[in-house]
Amino acid sequence: MQKKTLGFVVGVLVSMSTVVGCAPAAPPNSAPVTESGAPKASGPKRMVVGIAGDLPVLNLKVIRSVQAFTAPGGSEVEDLMTDGLADLDDDGLPQAKLAEAVPSLENGLWKVLPDGRMETTWRIRENARWHDGTPFTTDDLLFTMAVGQDRELAVFRDATFDLVENVVASDSRTITVRWAQPFVQADTLFTKDLAQPLPKHLLEPAYTADKATFNQLPFWSSEFVGAGPYKLKSYTAGTGLVLSAFDEYALGRPLIDEIEVRFIPDVNTLVANLYAGAVDATMGRGVAIDLALQAKEQWSAGRPIFGEDTWVPIFPQFIDPSPAAIEDVRVRRALLHAIDRQQMVDTFQAGVTTIAHSFISPDHPEFPNADQYVVRYDYDPRRTAQLMDEAGLARAADGFYRDASGQRFAVEIWASGESKQMTAVADYWRQAGIDASPIVLPTQRWNDRQYVSKFPSFRMSRNPNSLVNLRYYQSARTPLPENNFVGMNYSRYMNSELDTLIDRYFTTIPKADRARTLGEIMHHMTDVLNVMGLYYDVQSTLVANRVTGMTSPQTGWNAHTWDVR
């Protein structure tokens, strides 16, 4: 997964967007200040973080088992409390955390065997501990794999586990994973992205006793125990949590003594708290780019940080869509040609990002090669009309398309957090003769996995677009009754050719062959339009000047180095 910092665009953003509105000025601070004007810290160092959402539990996989999406800030809060053997830095490069080193061909810990199998070996740091003081050992990793490979616990399963032949611990700190075939992201195993380590001593008894209630344990909320830089001090449902520095953290005690995380779903209230000095930073999604630009100009006590790791696509329904003509690829192509995506970029992203012609964003190293395979759909209402005619839909006197029986071609587009963008798309479609109705779902409905999986026509939502997330588009990730509607293949497009291509990508070690396979995946997805990209999303985080070390809005991988002045 790529985590790319975009701090350099701040000046560009200001020059390209007109700042509107007037933010309340922060009240004068009577406390002693440093030469820079920041208040001096006295006593224990404390930081307050606000997120624009609520975390019903403190583990992302368990969150996805109870609601249809991850709350803003969930991943970032998880970074504060949990650690795997490695994590990805701001540039998407793996950095050792609870392990001494990340396996690589160069250091000999990653071996490709003559028969095509592989081995990756990890060595746990000697001082690795869980928050309750229990040593972090290979027993925990073996237990984690047992849970991850258990087909009765679908929420913890991943298709990658099918590639693992066996896992062998030679001692309490050394573990070797034997892979049945090549897998290009083998070094992400036992990280938060794949098989996040679980404490055996706390969870095995409950796992053995009753798997059906395993996801409902208080461990996942008020009794959470991780191995990251901060440990849970208190958790109040619907309000927030307080974290304290973990003295025995493997990479050294964090510099901040206590971090309070407040759940503030209303973004305007969250920003007002920042300006008033009650909150030091935001984490995760939620702060729109216009608010970040406004803060850049008017909030002298803080600064925005910009990053990009998501895109905004439209998902067509492939199981019993209404109207049925959505299954006709010509119709999907017509609808994409009808959207002025560049205007959406200029309007919603201040013109600093680009149209999402494919899953891979232009700042990714693999983009130049993959982009040549991409089928593009530029804004072209005339082409929309041609394709609709070819699909047997005729524009009637009232300006709207109808099928051969005279039935109006009417679609719904569902969204929750992207209501303005959804309305813009619906407007473009109506201008082109498609009777489009934007439907804003309340949070409760959006969190209902079964209900939201059966959207009749189209769904719009922000989604991760790092290469590790390509697996989301495989058939096995389709929300269906048999898997309790867990999965992020929202279109419910199931195709063996695409499944095979994605599997091949993740098992192809030679770079040139892997790049060609990635290109074929991008061609398939943009040709059939199982997902219709709009634009790449810029994520904004606001950080007070007294906070140092926060470098990206997407991650807290280096949270132990954060500090306050």
Protein backbone atom coordinates (compact mmCIF):
# COMPACT_ATOMS: atom_id res chain seq x y z
CA MET A 1 0.00 0.00 0.00
CA GLN A 2 1.36 3.36 -0.97
CA LYS A 3 1.24 6.29 1.43
CA LYS A 4 2.43 9.37 -0.38
CA THR A 5 2.89 12.74 1.33
CA LEU A 6 1.81 15.73 -0.73
CA GLY A 7 3.00 18.59 1.46
CA PHE A 8 4.53 20.29 -1.55
CA VAL A 9 1.11 21.03 -3.03
CA VAL A 10 0.07 23.47 -0.29
CA GLY A 11 1.28 26.54 -2.15
CA VAL A 12 -0.30 25.30 -5.36
CA LEU A 13 -3.58 24.68 -3.58
CA VAL A 14 -3.74 28.22 -2.25
CA SER A 15 -3.00 29.73 -5.63
CA MET A 16 -5.64 27.62 -7.36
CA SER A 17 -8.53 28.01 -4.94
CA THR A 18 -10.36 31.06 -3.66
CA VAL A 19 -10.55 30.98 0.12
CA VAL A 20 -14.02 31.79 1.32
CA GLY A 21 -15.65 32.20 4.70
CA CYS A 22 -14.15 33.49 7.89
CA ALA A 23 -12.79 31.19 10.56
CA PRO A 24 -12.97 32.18 14.20
CA ALA A 25 -9.65 33.36 15.51
CA ALA A 26 -8.04 31.36 18.28
CA PRO A 27 -8.32 33.11 21.65
CA PRO A 28 -5.18 34.65 23.13
CA ASN A 29 -3.17 32.26 25.27
CA SER A 30 -1.92 33.56 28.58
CA ALA A 31 0.42 30.61 29.14
CA PRO A 32 4.20 31.09 28.74
CA VAL A 33 5.31 30.79 25.15
CA THR A 34 8.46 29.85 23.28
CA GLU A 35 10.26 32.16 20.84
CA SER A 36 8.11 30.72 18.04
CA GLY A 37 4.96 31.74 19.88
CA ALA A 38 3.90 28.18 20.81
CA PRO A 39 2.89 27.51 24.43
CA LYS A 40 5.56 25.88 26.52
CA ALA A 41 4.79 22.37 27.68
CA SER A 42 4.69 21.89 31.43
CA GLY A 43 4.29 18.59 33.22
CA PRO A 44 3.40 15.45 31.26
CA LYS A 45 3.21 15.97 27.51
CA ARG A 46 -0.35 15.63 26.29
CA MET A 47 -1.96 15.76 22.85
CA VAL A 48 -5.63 15.79 21.82
CA VAL A 49 -6.63 14.28 18.47
CA GLY A 50 -10.04 14.58 16.87
CA ILE A 51 -11.51 12.21 14.28
CA ALA A 52 -14.63 12.85 12.21
CA GLY A 53 -16.26 9.57 13.15
CA ASP A 54 -17.02 7.02 15.84
CA LEU A 55 -15.16 3.78 16.53
CA PRO A 56 -17.51 1.12 17.92
CA VAL A 57 -14.50 -1.17 18.33
CA LEU A 58 -10.75 -0.68 17.98
CA ASN A 59 -9.86 -3.19 15.28
CA LEU A 60 -10.55 -2.47 11.62
CA LYS A 61 -11.41 -6.03 10.66
CA VAL A 62 -13.89 -6.30 13.50
CA ILE A 63 -15.35 -2.90 12.59
CA ARG A 64 -16.00 -4.24 9.08
CA SER A 65 -17.84 -7.18 10.62
CA VAL A 66 -20.39 -4.86 12.21
CA GLN A 67 -20.68 -2.02 9.69
CA ALA A 68 -20.26 -1.47 5.98
CA PHE A 69 -17.38 0.98 6.10
CA THR A 70 -14.45 2.06 8.26
CA ALA A 71 -15.02 5.24 10.20
CA PRO A 72 -12.75 8.19 9.40
CA GLY A 73 -9.64 7.97 11.54
CA GLY A 74 -10.07 4.29 12.35
CA SER A 75 -6.91 3.14 10.61
CA GLU A 76 -4.87 5.98 12.08
CA VAL A 77 -6.07 5.32 15.63
CA GLU A 78 -5.22 1.66 15.14
CA ASP A 79 -1.68 2.73 14.22
CA LEU A 80 -1.29 4.31 17.65
CA MET A 81 -2.14 1.12 19.53
CA THR A 82 -1.06 -1.76 17.35
CA ASP A 83 2.13 -2.85 15.70
CA GLY A 84 3.00 -5.73 13.46
CA LEU A 85 6.40 -7.00 12.51
CA ALA A 86 6.64 -4.14 9.98
CA ASP A 87 4.68 -1.16 8.66
CA LEU A 88 4.75 1.01 5.56
CA ASP A 89 6.22 4.49 5.80
CA ASP A 90 5.02 7.63 4.01
CA ASP A 91 6.65 6.46 0.77
CA GLY A 92 5.06 3.01 0.92
CA LEU A 93 8.32 1.30 1.92
CA PRO A 94 8.27 -1.38 4.64
CA GLN A 95 9.99 -0.48 7.89
CA ALA A 96 10.75 -2.99 10.63
CA LYS A 97 8.69 -2.50 13.79
CA LEU A 98 8.46 -5.50 16.14
CA ALA A 99 10.86 -7.44 13.90
CA GLU A 100 14.59 -6.87 13.67
CA ALA A 101 14.45 -6.65 9.88
CA VAL A 102 12.04 -6.89 6.96
CA PRO A 103 12.67 -10.01 4.82
CA SER A 104 14.30 -9.23 1.47
CA LEU A 105 16.24 -11.07 -1.19
CA GLU A 106 19.22 -8.88 -0.32
CA ASN A 107 19.39 -9.78 3.39
CA GLY A 108 18.67 -13.46 2.73
CA LEU A 109 15.48 -13.57 4.81
CA TRP A 110 13.38 -13.93 1.64
CA LYS A 111 14.26 -16.96 -0.46
CA VAL A 112 12.81 -18.04 -3.80
CA LEU A 113 13.29 -21.80 -4.03
CA PRO A 114 14.13 -23.68 -7.27
CA ASP A 115 10.70 -25.32 -7.35
CA GLY A 116 8.93 -21.95 -7.31
CA ARG A 117 8.05 -21.91 -3.64
CA MET A 118 9.30 -19.24 -1.24
CA GLU A 119 10.38 -18.75 2.35
CA THR A 120 10.28 -15.59 4.43
CA THR A 121 11.89 -15.53 7.85
CA TRP A 122 11.20 -13.03 10.61
CA ARG A 123 13.13 -12.46 13.82
CA ILE A 124 11.16 -10.72 16.59
CA ARG A 125 12.92 -8.01 18.59
CA GLU A 126 14.07 -9.27 21.95
CA ASN A 127 12.22 -6.53 23.85
CA ALA A 128 8.86 -6.85 22.04
CA ARG A 129 5.99 -6.81 24.54
CA TRP A 130 2.21 -6.65 24.64
CA HIS A 131 0.74 -3.75 26.59
CA ASP A 132 0.11 -5.97 29.61
CA GLY A 133 3.83 -6.78 29.76
CA THR A 134 3.58 -10.27 28.28
CA PRO A 135 6.40 -11.06 25.82
CA PHE A 136 5.41 -10.92 22.15
CA THR A 137 6.49 -14.30 20.72
CA THR A 138 6.09 -16.60 17.76
CA ASP A 139 3.26 -18.33 19.64
CA ASP A 140 1.22 -15.18 19.01
CA LEU A 141 2.00 -15.32 15.30
CA LEU A 142 1.07 -19.00 15.06
CA PHE A 143 -2.22 -18.23 16.81
CA THR A 144 -2.82 -15.29 14.46
CA MET A 145 -2.41 -17.56 11.45
CA ALA A 146 -4.76 -20.14 12.96
CA VAL A 147 -7.46 -17.48 13.35
CA GLY A 148 -6.77 -16.06 9.90
CA GLN A 149 -7.05 -19.45 8.22
CA ASP A 150 -10.23 -20.40 10.10
CA ARG A 151 -13.08 -20.43 7.58
CA GLU A 152 -15.58 -19.99 10.40
CA LEU A 153 -14.22 -16.49 11.04
CA ALA A 154 -14.57 -14.91 7.62
CA VAL A 155 -13.79 -11.42 8.86
CA PHE A 156 -10.18 -12.41 9.63
CA ARG A 157 -9.67 -14.47 6.51
CA ASP A 158 -7.73 -13.33 3.48
CA ALA A 159 -7.22 -15.06 0.15
CA THR A 160 -3.48 -14.68 0.68
CA PHE A 161 -3.58 -17.30 3.43
CA ASP A 162 -4.34 -19.92 0.80
CA LEU A 163 -0.82 -19.34 -0.55
CA VAL A 164 0.80 -20.25 2.77
CA GLU A 165 2.01 -23.84 2.88
CA ASN A 166 2.99 -23.79 6.54
CA VAL A 167 4.40 -21.61 9.27
CA VAL A 168 7.20 -22.94 11.47
CA ALA A 169 8.59 -21.36 14.63
CA SER A 170 12.14 -22.48 15.35
CA ASP A 171 12.14 -20.65 18.68
CA SER A 172 10.15 -18.01 20.54
CA ARG A 173 11.51 -15.22 18.33
CA THR A 174 12.13 -16.79 14.91
CA ILE A 175 9.42 -17.81 12.48
CA THR A 176 9.57 -18.99 8.88
CA VAL A 177 6.65 -18.81 6.49
CA ARG A 178 6.74 -21.32 3.64
CA TRP A 179 4.78 -20.20 0.62
CA ALA A 180 3.32 -22.68 -1.85
CA GLN A 181 3.99 -20.24 -4.68
CA PRO A 182 5.50 -16.79 -5.21
CA PHE A 183 3.72 -13.83 -3.64
CA VAL A 184 5.08 -10.33 -4.25
CA GLN A 185 3.83 -8.92 -0.95
CA ALA A 186 5.05 -11.67 1.31
CA ASP A 187 6.75 -9.06 3.46
CA THR A 188 3.34 -7.68 4.50
CA LEU A 189 2.43 -10.81 6.46
CA PHE A 190 2.12 -10.13 10.20
CA THR A 191 1.54 -6.45 9.57
CA LYS A 192 -1.68 -4.48 10.04
CA ASP A 193 -2.37 -5.02 6.33
CA LEU A 194 -2.28 -8.81 6.52
CA ALA A 195 -2.61 -11.00 9.62
CA GLN A 196 -2.20 -8.29 12.23
CA PRO A 197 -0.75 -10.09 15.27
CA LEU A 198 -3.18 -11.14 18.00
CA PRO A 199 -2.26 -11.87 21.66
CA LYS A 200 -2.66 -15.60 22.13
CA HIS A 201 -2.68 -15.46 25.91
CA LEU A 202 -5.72 -13.18 25.90
CA LEU A 203 -7.75 -14.44 22.95
CA GLU A 204 -7.14 -18.17 22.61
CA PRO A 205 -9.45 -19.19 25.49
CA ALA A 206 -12.39 -17.25 24.00
CA TYR A 207 -11.56 -18.45 20.48
CA THR A 208 -11.56 -22.06 21.64
CA ALA A 209 -14.72 -21.70 23.72
CA ASP A 210 -17.03 -19.89 21.29
CA LYS A 211 -16.04 -18.66 17.84
CA ALA A 212 -19.53 -17.26 17.25
CA THR A 213 -18.99 -14.51 19.83
CA PHE A 214 -15.28 -13.98 19.17
CA ASN A 215 -15.88 -10.62 17.44
CA GLN A 216 -18.04 -9.42 20.34
CA LEU A 217 -15.43 -9.63 23.10
CA PRO A 218 -14.74 -6.55 25.23
CA PHE A 219 -11.13 -7.07 24.14
CA TRP A 220 -11.95 -5.27 20.90
CA SER A 221 -13.04 -2.11 22.74
CA SER A 222 -12.72 -1.33 26.46
CA GLU A 223 -10.20 -4.13 27.14
CA PHE A 224 -8.05 -3.74 24.04
CA VAL A 225 -4.40 -4.80 24.33
CA GLY A 226 -1.95 -4.16 21.52
CA ALA A 227 1.79 -3.90 21.08
CA GLY A 228 2.06 -0.43 19.61
CA PRO A 229 3.50 2.80 21.01
CA TYR A 230 0.39 3.73 23.01
CA LYS A 231 -1.78 1.57 25.24
CA LEU A 232 -5.45 1.98 26.05
CA LYS A 233 -6.10 3.86 29.28
CA SER A 234 -9.85 4.31 28.86
CA TYR A 235 -12.53 3.91 26.19
CA THR A 236 -15.94 5.55 26.23
CA ALA A 237 -18.29 4.38 23.49
CA GLY A 238 -19.46 7.22 21.31
CA THR A 239 -17.13 9.71 22.96
CA GLY A 240 -13.50 8.73 22.57
CA LEU A 241 -10.51 7.09 24.20
CA VAL A 242 -7.39 8.01 26.13
CA LEU A 243 -4.03 6.42 25.38
CA SER A 244 -0.88 6.47 27.47
CA ALA A 245 2.70 6.00 26.36
CA PHE A 246 3.81 2.37 26.50
CA ASP A 247 7.00 2.41 28.55
CA GLU A 248 8.16 -0.95 27.17
CA TYR A 249 7.52 -0.21 23.49
CA ALA A 250 10.01 -2.10 21.33
CA LEU A 251 11.26 1.01 19.53
CA GLY A 252 11.56 3.10 22.67
CA ARG A 253 9.11 4.98 24.85
CA PRO A 254 7.01 7.48 22.85
CA LEU A 255 7.80 11.15 23.37
CA ILE A 256 4.21 12.16 24.22
CA ASP A 257 2.90 10.87 27.55
CA GLU A 258 -0.80 10.83 26.74
CA ILE A 259 -2.95 11.11 23.62
CA GLU A 260 -6.68 11.67 23.90
CA VAL A 261 -8.77 10.76 20.84
CA ARG A 262 -12.14 12.48 20.63
CA PHE A 263 -14.96 11.31 18.36
CA ILE A 264 -16.36 14.47 16.71
CA PRO A 265 -18.44 13.39 13.70
CA ASP A 266 -19.41 16.94 12.71
CA VAL A 267 -16.44 18.33 10.79
CA ASN A 268 -17.31 21.97 11.45
CA THR A 269 -17.35 21.28 15.18
CA LEU A 270 -14.04 19.44 14.85
CA VAL A 271 -12.41 22.40 13.07
CA ALA A 272 -13.86 24.86 15.59
CA ASN A 273 -12.22 22.81 18.36
CA LEU A 274 -8.91 23.09 16.52
CA TYR A 275 -9.16 26.86 16.17
CA ALA A 276 -10.09 27.17 19.85
CA GLY A 277 -7.05 25.14 20.89
CA ALA A 278 -9.11 22.29 22.38
CA VAL A 279 -7.83 19.80 19.76
CA ASP A 280 -4.25 19.61 18.47
CA ALA A 281 -4.74 17.60 15.28
CA THR A 282 -7.20 15.72 13.13
CA MET A 283 -6.54 12.22 11.85
CA GLY A 284 -8.11 10.35 8.96
CA ARG A 285 -10.65 11.51 6.43
CA GLY A 286 -13.18 14.23 7.03
CA VAL A 287 -11.53 17.61 6.63
CA ALA A 288 -12.47 18.76 3.13
CA ILE A 289 -9.91 20.51 1.01
CA ASP A 290 -11.72 23.86 1.19
CA LEU A 291 -11.53 23.78 4.99
CA ALA A 292 -7.84 22.91 4.78
CA LEU A 293 -7.22 25.83 2.41
CA GLN A 294 -9.10 28.13 4.75
CA ALA A 295 -6.98 26.95 7.66
CA LYS A 296 -3.81 27.53 5.65
CA GLU A 297 -4.75 31.17 5.26
CA GLN A 298 -6.41 31.92 8.58
CA TRP A 299 -5.16 29.50 11.24
CA SER A 300 -1.78 30.85 12.33
CA ALA A 301 -1.51 28.31 15.13
CA GLY A 302 -1.51 25.31 12.79
CA ARG A 303 -1.01 23.93 9.31
CA PRO A 304 -2.58 21.50 6.87
CA ILE A 305 -0.93 18.28 5.69
CA PHE A 306 -2.08 16.81 2.39
CA GLY A 307 -1.86 13.21 1.25
CA GLU A 308 -3.38 10.83 -1.26
CA ASP A 309 -4.22 7.17 -0.85
CA THR A 310 -7.81 6.84 -2.05
CA TRP A 311 -9.97 7.37 -5.09
CA VAL A 312 -13.64 8.15 -5.64
CA PRO A 313 -15.28 5.61 -7.97
CA ILE A 314 -18.82 4.65 -8.91
CA PHE A 315 -19.76 0.98 -8.52
CA PRO A 316 -22.37 -0.42 -10.93
CA GLN A 317 -24.51 -3.26 -9.60
CA PHE A 318 -23.90 -6.60 -11.33
CA ILE A 319 -26.39 -8.79 -9.43
CA ASP A 320 -30.01 -8.13 -10.45
CA PRO A 321 -29.44 -4.47 -11.32
CA SER A 322 -32.33 -2.11 -11.87
CA PRO A 323 -32.70 -1.25 -14.66
CA ALA A 324 -31.31 -4.43 -16.19
CA ALA A 325 -29.63 -2.45 -19.00
CA ILE A 326 -26.86 -1.55 -16.55
CA GLU A 327 -25.43 -4.99 -17.36
CA ASP A 328 -24.80 -3.77 -20.92
CA VAL A 329 -21.25 -2.43 -21.04
CA ARG A 330 -22.28 0.08 -23.69
CA VAL A 331 -24.60 1.70 -21.17
CA ARG A 332 -21.88 1.90 -18.52
CA ARG A 333 -19.52 3.46 -21.06
CA ALA A 334 -22.19 5.94 -22.11
CA LEU A 335 -22.75 6.99 -18.51
CA LEU A 336 -19.04 7.58 -17.90
CA HIS A 337 -18.70 9.63 -21.10
CA ALA A 338 -21.56 11.81 -19.78
CA ILE A 339 -19.61 12.97 -16.67
CA ASP A 340 -17.32 16.01 -16.90
CA ARG A 341 -14.78 14.57 -14.48
CA GLN A 342 -12.27 17.39 -15.00
CA GLN A 343 -14.87 19.85 -13.81
CA MET A 344 -15.41 17.65 -10.76
CA VAL A 345 -11.66 17.70 -10.08
CA ASP A 346 -11.63 21.50 -10.32
CA THR A 347 -14.71 21.87 -8.15
CA PHE A 348 -14.14 19.29 -5.44
CA GLN A 349 -10.34 18.98 -5.38
CA ALA A 350 -9.21 22.53 -6.23
CA GLY A 351 -7.71 21.21 -9.46
CA VAL A 352 -4.69 19.63 -7.76
CA THR A 353 -5.49 15.99 -8.39
CA THR A 354 -6.42 14.24 -11.65
CA ILE A 355 -9.20 12.25 -13.27
CA ALA A 356 -9.12 8.60 -12.21
CA HIS A 357 -8.97 6.90 -15.59
CA SER A 358 -7.90 3.75 -13.73
CA PHE A 359 -7.31 2.31 -10.29
CA ILE A 360 -3.64 3.41 -10.17
CA SER A 361 -2.85 7.06 -9.47
CA PRO A 362 -0.14 8.91 -11.46
CA ASP A 363 2.27 9.18 -8.52
CA HIS A 364 2.61 5.40 -8.29
CA PRO A 365 5.84 3.93 -9.73
CA GLU A 366 3.82 1.36 -11.71
CA PHE A 367 1.59 3.99 -13.33
CA PRO A 368 3.56 4.77 -16.54
CA ASN A 369 3.53 1.16 -17.69
CA ALA A 370 -0.04 0.34 -16.62
CA ASP A 371 -1.49 3.54 -18.06
CA GLN A 372 -0.82 2.46 -21.65
CA TYR A 373 -3.31 -0.40 -21.18
CA VAL A 374 -6.10 1.81 -19.83
CA VAL A 375 -9.29 2.45 -21.81
CA ARG A 376 -10.25 6.11 -21.42
CA TYR A 377 -13.69 7.71 -21.47
CA ASP A 378 -13.35 11.45 -21.97
CA TYR A 379 -16.28 13.77 -21.45
CA ASP A 380 -18.26 13.41 -24.69
CA PRO A 381 -22.08 13.75 -24.60
CA ARG A 382 -22.26 12.87 -28.31
CA ARG A 383 -20.56 9.56 -27.66
CA THR A 384 -23.00 9.00 -24.80
CA ALA A 385 -25.90 9.40 -27.23
CA GLN A 386 -24.33 7.02 -29.76
CA LEU A 387 -23.76 4.29 -27.16
CA MET A 388 -27.24 4.61 -25.70
CA ASP A 389 -28.72 4.24 -29.19
CA GLU A 390 -26.55 1.17 -29.82
CA ALA A 391 -27.84 -0.34 -26.58
CA GLY A 392 -31.45 0.03 -27.81
CA LEU A 393 -32.36 3.02 -25.66
CA ALA A 394 -34.02 5.92 -27.45
CA ARG A 395 -34.39 9.50 -26.26
CA ALA A 396 -38.07 10.39 -26.01
CA ALA A 397 -39.80 13.75 -26.44
CA ASP A 398 -39.43 14.50 -22.73
CA GLY A 399 -35.64 14.33 -23.14
CA PHE A 400 -35.16 11.05 -21.24
CA TYR A 401 -34.12 7.66 -22.59
CA ARG A 402 -36.61 4.82 -22.76
CA ASP A 403 -36.27 1.15 -23.62
CA ALA A 404 -38.11 -0.70 -26.39
CA SER A 405 -41.17 -1.15 -24.16
CA GLY A 406 -41.38 2.57 -23.47
CA GLN A 407 -40.09 2.25 -19.90
CA ARG A 408 -38.02 5.24 -18.83
CA PHE A 409 -34.35 4.40 -18.15
CA ALA A 410 -34.17 5.57 -14.52
CA VAL A 411 -31.26 4.88 -12.15
CA GLU A 412 -30.47 5.51 -8.51
CA ILE A 413 -27.04 6.45 -7.21
CA TRP A 414 -26.42 5.82 -3.50
CA ALA A 415 -23.85 7.51 -1.29
CA SER A 416 -23.32 8.63 2.26
CA GLY A 417 -20.32 10.95 2.69
CA GLU A 418 -20.02 12.07 -0.94
CA SER A 419 -23.46 13.66 -1.35
CA LYS A 420 -22.25 16.73 -3.28
CA GLN A 421 -20.24 14.64 -5.71
CA MET A 422 -23.14 12.21 -6.11
CA THR A 423 -25.52 15.06 -6.87
CA ALA A 424 -23.09 16.42 -9.47
CA VAL A 425 -22.95 13.03 -11.20
CA ALA A 426 -26.74 12.76 -11.16
CA ASP A 427 -26.97 16.23 -12.71
CA TYR A 428 -24.59 15.26 -15.54
CA TRP A 429 -26.63 12.15 -16.23
CA ARG A 430 -29.92 14.03 -16.27
CA GLN A 431 -28.45 16.54 -18.73
CA ALA A 432 -27.60 13.57 -20.96
CA GLY A 433 -31.14 12.16 -20.77
CA ILE A 434 -30.67 9.62 -17.98
CA ASP A 435 -33.27 9.94 -15.23
CA ALA A 436 -30.90 9.79 -12.24
CA SER A 437 -31.98 10.05 -8.60
CA PRO A 438 -29.30 10.74 -5.97
CA ILE A 439 -30.02 8.89 -2.73
CA VAL A 440 -28.20 9.95 0.46
CA LEU A 441 -28.27 7.08 2.92
CA PRO A 442 -28.23 7.81 6.66
CA THR A 443 -25.34 6.31 8.59
CA GLN A 444 -27.43 3.49 10.05
CA ARG A 445 -28.50 2.34 6.60
CA TRP A 446 -25.00 2.75 5.15
CA ASN A 447 -23.65 0.58 7.97
CA ASP A 448 -26.14 -2.18 7.17
CA ARG A 449 -23.96 -4.43 5.00
CA GLN A 450 -26.84 -6.53 3.68
CA TYR A 451 -28.99 -3.55 2.78
CA VAL A 452 -26.27 -1.46 1.15
CA SER A 453 -24.88 -4.39 -0.86
CA LYS A 454 -28.17 -4.55 -2.77
CA PHE A 455 -28.18 -1.01 -4.14
CA PRO A 456 -30.25 -1.17 -7.33
CA SER A 457 -28.11 0.79 -9.80
CA PHE A 458 -24.96 2.59 -8.62
CA ARG A 459 -23.05 3.29 -5.44
CA MET A 460 -20.42 5.99 -4.85
CA SER A 461 -17.81 5.93 -2.07
CA ARG A 462 -14.18 6.72 -1.38
CA ASN A 463 -12.03 3.59 -1.53
CA PRO A 464 -8.37 2.69 -1.09
CA ASN A 465 -6.50 2.32 -4.37
CA SER A 466 -3.17 0.93 -3.28
CA LEU A 467 -2.08 -2.15 -5.20
CA VAL A 468 -2.55 -4.40 -2.18
CA ASN A 469 -6.26 -3.52 -2.46
CA LEU A 470 -6.60 -5.02 -5.95
CA ARG A 471 -7.83 -8.18 -4.21
CA TYR A 472 -10.98 -6.27 -3.24
CA TYR A 473 -12.16 -6.76 -6.84
CA GLN A 474 -11.96 -10.55 -6.83
CA SER A 475 -15.02 -12.77 -6.74
CA ALA A 476 -14.11 -14.06 -3.28
CA ARG A 477 -14.56 -10.53 -1.87
CA THR A 478 -18.15 -10.19 -3.10
CA PRO A 479 -20.73 -9.34 -0.38
CA LEU A 480 -23.11 -12.30 -0.44
CA PRO A 481 -25.45 -14.05 2.01
CA GLU A 482 -23.02 -16.95 2.44
CA ASN A 483 -20.28 -14.65 3.78
CA ASN A 484 -22.64 -12.44 5.78
CA PHE A 485 -22.20 -9.72 3.14
CA VAL A 486 -18.57 -9.10 4.14
CA GLY A 487 -16.38 -7.92 1.27
CA MET A 488 -15.40 -4.81 -0.65
CA ASN A 489 -16.16 -6.01 -4.18
CA TYR A 490 -19.13 -3.64 -4.02
CA SER A 491 -20.10 -4.01 -7.69
CA ARG A 492 -20.46 -7.74 -7.07
CA TYR A 493 -18.78 -8.34 -10.42
CA MET A 494 -17.52 -11.93 -10.44
CA ASN A 495 -15.26 -12.90 -13.30
CA SER A 496 -12.78 -15.77 -13.41
CA GLU A 497 -10.51 -13.99 -15.90
CA LEU A 498 -10.07 -11.00 -13.59
CA ASP A 499 -9.60 -13.33 -10.59
CA THR A 500 -6.83 -15.15 -12.45
CA LEU A 501 -5.10 -11.93 -13.49
CA ILE A 502 -5.11 -10.56 -9.95
CA ASP A 503 -3.80 -13.85 -8.56
CA ARG A 504 -1.07 -13.83 -11.22
CA TYR A 505 -0.04 -10.30 -10.32
CA PHE A 506 0.46 -11.21 -6.68
CA THR A 507 2.45 -14.33 -7.55
CA THR A 508 4.72 -12.97 -10.27
CA ILE A 509 8.17 -12.03 -8.98
CA PRO A 510 9.95 -10.89 -12.21
CA LYS A 511 9.24 -7.16 -12.45
CA ALA A 512 8.61 -6.98 -16.22
CA ASP A 513 6.13 -9.87 -16.17
CA ARG A 514 4.38 -8.45 -13.13
CA ALA A 515 4.08 -5.02 -14.78
CA ARG A 516 2.53 -6.57 -17.89
CA THR A 517 -0.01 -8.46 -15.78
CA LEU A 518 -0.90 -5.27 -13.94
CA GLY A 519 -1.50 -3.61 -17.30
CA GLU A 520 -3.82 -6.44 -18.31
CA ILE A 521 -5.75 -5.98 -15.06
CA MET A 522 -6.14 -2.27 -15.72
CA HIS A 523 -7.30 -2.98 -19.27
CA HIS A 524 -9.88 -5.50 -18.09
CA MET A 525 -11.29 -3.21 -15.40
CA THR A 526 -11.47 -0.15 -17.65
CA ASP A 527 -12.84 -2.10 -20.59
CA VAL A 528 -15.74 -3.77 -18.74
CA LEU A 529 -16.12 -0.91 -16.23
CA ASN A 530 -16.78 -3.06 -13.20
CA VAL A 531 -15.81 0.14 -11.38
CA MET A 532 -16.02 3.66 -12.85
CA GLY A 533 -13.34 5.99 -11.52
CA LEU A 534 -14.07 9.69 -11.03
CA TYR A 535 -10.91 11.20 -9.50
CA TYR A 536 -8.11 10.56 -7.01
CA ASP A 537 -8.87 11.98 -3.60
CA VAL A 538 -6.71 14.43 -1.68
CA GLN A 539 -6.90 13.83 2.06
CA SER A 540 -6.37 16.74 4.44
CA THR A 541 -5.24 16.76 8.05
CA LEU A 542 -4.93 19.83 10.26
CA VAL A 543 -2.11 19.91 12.81
CA ALA A 544 -1.28 22.53 15.44
CA ASN A 545 2.21 24.03 15.24
CA ARG A 546 2.99 22.70 18.70
CA VAL A 547 2.89 19.16 17.27
CA THR A 548 5.97 17.84 15.48
CA GLY A 549 6.59 14.59 13.63
CA MET A 550 3.19 14.14 11.95
CA THR A 551 4.10 13.80 8.29
CA SER A 552 1.11 12.22 6.57
CA PRO A 553 -2.65 12.25 7.05
CA GLN A 554 -2.96 8.53 6.33
CA THR A 555 -0.74 7.00 8.94
CA GLY A 556 0.63 6.99 12.45
CA TRP A 557 3.39 4.52 11.59
CA ASN A 558 5.92 6.85 13.29
CA ALA A 559 3.67 7.94 16.18
CA HIS A 560 6.36 7.13 18.75
CA THR A 561 8.41 10.02 17.32
CA TRP A 562 5.62 12.61 17.54
CA ASP A 563 6.21 15.36 20.06
CA VAL A 564 4.55 18.50 21.44
CA ARG A 565 6.18 21.78 22.35
